[in-house]
Amino acid sequence: MSSYVFLCEDCHKEFTVSLHMSQLKDSAPACPHCGGKRVIQALAAFSAVTSKKSG
């Protein structure tokens, strides 16, 4: 599962949802703040944490 950031066009709040890629293609989730259906996927920063040390 991956985390996706969405922006609600109705209340202008961001929220994060964990979804499988197949679920993301089906439809966007409703806003948990206002229940709005007009949501767009926002750009999010990505970082990975590993146990290997570089060097």
PDB file of N, CA and C in Angstrom:
ATOM      1  N   MET A   1       0.834  -1.183   0.000  1.00  0.00           N
ATOM      2  CA  MET A   1       0.000   0.000   0.000  1.00  0.00           C
ATOM      3  C   MET A   1       0.873   1.239   0.000  1.00  0.00           C
ATOM      4  N   SER A   2       0.406   2.240  -0.681  1.00  0.00           N
ATOM      5  CA  SER A   2       1.117   3.513  -0.744  1.00  0.00           C
ATOM      6  C   SER A   2       0.242   4.614  -0.154  1.00  0.00           C
ATOM      7  N   SER A   3       0.882   5.652   0.331  1.00  0.00           N
ATOM      8  CA  SER A   3       0.156   6.806   0.855  1.00  0.00           C
ATOM      9  C   SER A   3       0.072   7.872  -0.224  1.00  0.00           C
ATOM     10  N   TYR A   4      -1.115   8.424  -0.398  1.00  0.00           N
ATOM     11  CA  TYR A   4      -1.352   9.465  -1.397  1.00  0.00           C
ATOM     12  C   TYR A   4      -1.925  10.687  -0.700  1.00  0.00           C
ATOM     13  N   VAL A   5      -1.524  11.858  -1.165  1.00  0.00           N
ATOM     14  CA  VAL A   5      -2.010  13.121  -0.617  1.00  0.00           C
ATOM     15  C   VAL A   5      -3.029  13.692  -1.596  1.00  0.00           C
ATOM     16  N   PHE A   6      -4.168  14.093  -1.049  1.00  0.00           N
ATOM     17  CA  PHE A   6      -5.228  14.683  -1.860  1.00  0.00           C
ATOM     18  C   PHE A   6      -5.558  16.056  -1.323  1.00  0.00           C
ATOM     19  N   LEU A   7      -6.095  16.908  -2.194  1.00  0.00           N
ATOM     20  CA  LEU A   7      -6.545  18.245  -1.829  1.00  0.00           C
ATOM     21  C   LEU A   7      -8.020  18.349  -2.188  1.00  0.00           C
ATOM     22  N   CYS A   8      -8.833  18.731  -1.221  1.00  0.00           N
ATOM     23  CA  CYS A   8     -10.267  18.905  -1.448  1.00  0.00           C
ATOM     24  C   CYS A   8     -10.503  20.280  -2.064  1.00  0.00           C
ATOM     25  N   GLU A   9     -11.191  20.312  -3.183  1.00  0.00           N
ATOM     26  CA  GLU A   9     -11.480  21.587  -3.846  1.00  0.00           C
ATOM     27  C   GLU A   9     -12.649  22.310  -3.191  1.00  0.00           C
ATOM     28  N   ASP A  10     -13.387  21.626  -2.313  1.00  0.00           N
ATOM     29  CA  ASP A  10     -14.511  22.262  -1.629  1.00  0.00           C
ATOM     30  C   ASP A  10     -14.063  22.992  -0.360  1.00  0.00           C
ATOM     31  N   CYS A  11     -13.301  22.305   0.521  1.00  0.00           N
ATOM     32  CA  CYS A  11     -12.891  22.941   1.782  1.00  0.00           C
ATOM     33  C   CYS A  11     -11.406  23.333   1.786  1.00  0.00           C
ATOM     34  N   HIS A  12     -10.675  23.004   0.715  1.00  0.00           N
ATOM     35  CA  HIS A  12      -9.264  23.376   0.528  1.00  0.00           C
ATOM     36  C   HIS A  12      -8.340  22.791   1.593  1.00  0.00           C
ATOM     37  N   LYS A  13      -8.678  21.610   2.119  1.00  0.00           N
ATOM     38  CA  LYS A  13      -7.818  20.937   3.096  1.00  0.00           C
ATOM     39  C   LYS A  13      -7.149  19.735   2.449  1.00  0.00           C
ATOM     40  N   GLU A  14      -5.915  19.459   2.882  1.00  0.00           N
ATOM     41  CA  GLU A  14      -5.186  18.291   2.415  1.00  0.00           C
ATOM     42  C   GLU A  14      -5.442  17.126   3.354  1.00  0.00           C
ATOM     43  N   PHE A  15      -5.424  15.916   2.778  1.00  0.00           N
ATOM     44  CA  PHE A  15      -5.516  14.716   3.603  1.00  0.00           C
ATOM     45  C   PHE A  15      -4.752  13.596   2.927  1.00  0.00           C
ATOM     46  N   THR A  16      -4.334  12.617   3.718  1.00  0.00           N
ATOM     47  CA  THR A  16      -3.536  11.500   3.234  1.00  0.00           C
ATOM     48  C   THR A  16      -4.341  10.219   3.373  1.00  0.00           C
ATOM     49  N   VAL A  17      -4.276   9.377   2.330  1.00  0.00           N
ATOM     50  CA  VAL A  17      -4.990   8.109   2.320  1.00  0.00           C
ATOM     51  C   VAL A  17      -4.024   7.021   1.875  1.00  0.00           C
ATOM     52  N   SER A  18      -4.085   5.861   2.520  1.00  0.00           N
ATOM     53  CA  SER A  18      -3.292   4.704   2.095  1.00  0.00           C
ATOM     54  C   SER A  18      -4.154   3.840   1.179  1.00  0.00           C
ATOM     55  N   LEU A  19      -3.687   3.647  -0.046  1.00  0.00           N
ATOM     56  CA  LEU A  19      -4.443   2.895  -1.049  1.00  0.00           C
ATOM     57  C   LEU A  19      -3.525   1.993  -1.855  1.00  0.00           C
ATOM     58  N   HIS A  20      -4.101   0.938  -2.430  1.00  0.00           N
ATOM     59  CA  HIS A  20      -3.396   0.158  -3.431  1.00  0.00           C
ATOM     60  C   HIS A  20      -3.500   0.922  -4.744  1.00  0.00           C
ATOM     61  N   MET A  21      -2.560   0.716  -5.650  1.00  0.00           N
ATOM     62  CA  MET A  21      -2.593   1.429  -6.928  1.00  0.00           C
ATOM     63  C   MET A  21      -3.889   1.157  -7.686  1.00  0.00           C
ATOM     64  N   SER A  22      -4.418  -0.064  -7.603  1.00  0.00           N
ATOM     65  CA  SER A  22      -5.659  -0.394  -8.313  1.00  0.00           C
ATOM     66  C   SER A  22      -6.836   0.415  -7.764  1.00  0.00           C
ATOM     67  N   GLN A  23      -6.845   0.688  -6.452  1.00  0.00           N
ATOM     68  CA  GLN A  23      -7.909   1.493  -5.858  1.00  0.00           C
ATOM     69  C   GLN A  23      -7.809   2.939  -6.306  1.00  0.00           C
ATOM     70  N   LEU A  24      -6.601   3.428  -6.507  1.00  0.00           N
ATOM     71  CA  LEU A  24      -6.395   4.812  -6.922  1.00  0.00           C
ATOM     72  C   LEU A  24      -6.958   5.039  -8.321  1.00  0.00           C
ATOM     73  N   LYS A  25      -6.813   4.051  -9.205  1.00  0.00           N
ATOM     74  CA  LYS A  25      -7.314   4.187 -10.571  1.00  0.00           C
ATOM     75  C   LYS A  25      -8.837   4.169 -10.619  1.00  0.00           C
ATOM     76  N   ASP A  26      -9.497   3.477  -9.675  1.00  0.00           N
ATOM     77  CA  ASP A  26     -10.954   3.351  -9.697  1.00  0.00           C
ATOM     78  C   ASP A  26     -11.653   4.673  -9.427  1.00  0.00           C
ATOM     79  N   SER A  27     -11.315   5.331  -8.332  1.00  0.00           N
ATOM     80  CA  SER A  27     -11.923   6.619  -8.013  1.00  0.00           C
ATOM     81  C   SER A  27     -11.171   7.264  -6.858  1.00  0.00           C
ATOM     82  N   ALA A  28     -11.294   8.566  -6.778  1.00  0.00           N
ATOM     83  CA  ALA A  28     -10.649   9.306  -5.699  1.00  0.00           C
ATOM     84  C   ALA A  28     -11.513   9.192  -4.447  1.00  0.00           C
ATOM     85  N   PRO A  29     -10.900   9.196  -3.266  1.00  0.00           N
ATOM     86  CA  PRO A  29     -11.675   9.098  -2.028  1.00  0.00           C
ATOM     87  C   PRO A  29     -12.410  10.396  -1.716  1.00  0.00           C
ATOM     88  N   ALA A  30     -13.412  10.301  -0.865  1.00  0.00           N
ATOM     89  CA  ALA A  30     -14.130  11.492  -0.401  1.00  0.00           C
ATOM     90  C   ALA A  30     -13.302  12.183   0.675  1.00  0.00           C
ATOM     91  N   CYS A  31     -13.457  13.471   0.791  1.00  0.00           N
ATOM     92  CA  CYS A  31     -12.739  14.254   1.800  1.00  0.00           C
ATOM     93  C   CYS A  31     -13.232  13.873   3.200  1.00  0.00           C
ATOM     94  N   PRO A  32     -12.322  13.518   4.105  1.00  0.00           N
ATOM     95  CA  PRO A  32     -12.746  13.166   5.464  1.00  0.00           C
ATOM     96  C   PRO A  32     -13.177  14.376   6.293  1.00  0.00           C
ATOM     97  N   HIS A  33     -12.851  15.591   5.842  1.00  0.00           N
ATOM     98  CA  HIS A  33     -13.198  16.804   6.588  1.00  0.00           C
ATOM     99  C   HIS A  33     -14.618  17.266   6.292  1.00  0.00           C
ATOM    100  N   CYS A  34     -14.986  17.290   4.991  1.00  0.00           N
ATOM    101  CA  CYS A  34     -16.300  17.823   4.623  1.00  0.00           C
ATOM    102  C   CYS A  34     -17.158  16.834   3.837  1.00  0.00           C
ATOM    103  N   GLY A  35     -16.567  15.689   3.445  1.00  0.00           N
ATOM    104  CA  GLY A  35     -17.317  14.696   2.677  1.00  0.00           C
ATOM    105  C   GLY A  35     -17.383  15.012   1.191  1.00  0.00           C
ATOM    106  N   GLY A  36     -16.682  16.060   0.770  1.00  0.00           N
ATOM    107  CA  GLY A  36     -16.701  16.468  -0.630  1.00  0.00           C
ATOM    108  C   GLY A  36     -16.097  15.425  -1.559  1.00  0.00           C
ATOM    109  N   LYS A  37     -16.615  15.376  -2.778  1.00  0.00           N
ATOM    110  CA  LYS A  37     -16.135  14.424  -3.781  1.00  0.00           C
ATOM    111  C   LYS A  37     -15.189  15.070  -4.787  1.00  0.00           C
ATOM    112  N   ARG A  38     -15.050  16.398  -4.719  1.00  0.00           N
ATOM    113  CA  ARG A  38     -14.165  17.099  -5.657  1.00  0.00           C
ATOM    114  C   ARG A  38     -12.764  17.167  -5.074  1.00  0.00           C
ATOM    115  N   VAL A  39     -12.029  16.065  -5.197  1.00  0.00           N
ATOM    116  CA  VAL A  39     -10.668  16.003  -4.671  1.00  0.00           C
ATOM    117  C   VAL A  39      -9.692  15.741  -5.812  1.00  0.00           C
ATOM    118  N   ILE A  40      -8.512  16.310  -5.685  1.00  0.00           N
ATOM    119  CA  ILE A  40      -7.455  16.093  -6.666  1.00  0.00           C
ATOM    120  C   ILE A  40      -6.222  15.588  -5.941  1.00  0.00           C
ATOM    121  N   GLN A  41      -5.450  14.782  -6.647  1.00  0.00           N
ATOM    122  CA  GLN A  41      -4.224  14.262  -6.048  1.00  0.00           C
ATOM    123  C   GLN A  41      -3.190  15.368  -6.033  1.00  0.00           C
ATOM    124  N   ALA A  42      -2.605  15.612  -4.869  1.00  0.00           N
ATOM    125  CA  ALA A  42      -1.596  16.649  -4.698  1.00  0.00           C
ATOM    126  C   ALA A  42      -0.206  16.045  -4.835  1.00  0.00           C
ATOM    127  N   LEU A  43       0.762  16.880  -5.130  1.00  0.00           N
ATOM    128  CA  LEU A  43       2.141  16.425  -5.169  1.00  0.00           C
ATOM    129  C   LEU A  43       2.651  16.280  -3.746  1.00  0.00           C
ATOM    130  N   ALA A  44       3.397  15.220  -3.515  1.00  0.00           N
ATOM    131  CA  ALA A  44       3.925  14.971  -2.176  1.00  0.00           C
ATOM    132  C   ALA A  44       5.399  14.627  -2.275  1.00  0.00           C
ATOM    133  N   ALA A  45       6.136  15.027  -1.271  1.00  0.00           N
ATOM    134  CA  ALA A  45       7.557  14.679  -1.209  1.00  0.00           C
ATOM    135  C   ALA A  45       7.682  13.210  -0.824  1.00  0.00           C
ATOM    136  N   PHE A  46       8.731  12.575  -1.289  1.00  0.00           N
ATOM    137  CA  PHE A  46       8.961  11.168  -0.995  1.00  0.00           C
ATOM    138  C   PHE A  46      10.332  11.019  -0.380  1.00  0.00           C
ATOM    139  N   SER A  47      10.425  10.232   0.664  1.00  0.00           N
ATOM    140  CA  SER A  47      11.736   9.910   1.209  1.00  0.00           C
ATOM    141  C   SER A  47      11.709   8.456   1.647  1.00  0.00           C
ATOM    142  N   ALA A  48      12.841   7.816   1.513  1.00  0.00           N
ATOM    143  CA  ALA A  48      12.960   6.426   1.914  1.00  0.00           C
ATOM    144  C   ALA A  48      13.999   6.315   3.020  1.00  0.00           C
ATOM    145  N   VAL A  49      13.703   5.491   3.973  1.00  0.00           N
ATOM    146  CA  VAL A  49      14.635   5.257   5.070  1.00  0.00           C
ATOM    147  C   VAL A  49      15.162   3.843   4.922  1.00  0.00           C
ATOM    148  N   THR A  50      16.477   3.722   4.885  1.00  0.00           N
ATOM    149  CA  THR A  50      17.104   2.405   4.755  1.00  0.00           C
ATOM    150  C   THR A  50      18.057   2.176   5.904  1.00  0.00           C
ATOM    151  N   SER A  51      18.436   0.948   6.088  1.00  0.00           N
ATOM    152  CA  SER A  51      19.370   0.633   7.167  1.00  0.00           C
ATOM    153  C   SER A  51      20.822   0.652   6.692  1.00  0.00           C
ATOM    154  N   LYS A  52      21.019   0.732   5.382  1.00  0.00           N
ATOM    155  CA  LYS A  52      22.394   0.770   4.846  1.00  0.00           C
ATOM    156  C   LYS A  52      22.996   2.154   5.018  1.00  0.00           C
ATOM    157  N   LYS A  53      24.267   2.168   5.345  1.00  0.00           N
ATOM    158  CA  LYS A  53      24.977   3.439   5.424  1.00  0.00           C
ATOM    159  C   LYS A  53      25.730   3.644   4.116  1.00  0.00           C
ATOM    160  N   SER A  54      25.684   4.855   3.603  1.00  0.00           N
ATOM    161  CA  SER A  54      26.424   5.138   2.368  1.00  0.00           C
ATOM    162  C   SER A  54      27.889   5.379   2.712  1.00  0.00           C
ATOM    163  N   GLY A  55      28.720   5.038   1.765  1.00  0.00           N
ATOM    164  CA  GLY A  55      30.096   5.336   2.060  1.00  0.00           C
ATOM    165  C   GLY A  55      30.985   4.371   1.515  1.00  0.00           C
TER     166      GLY A  55
END
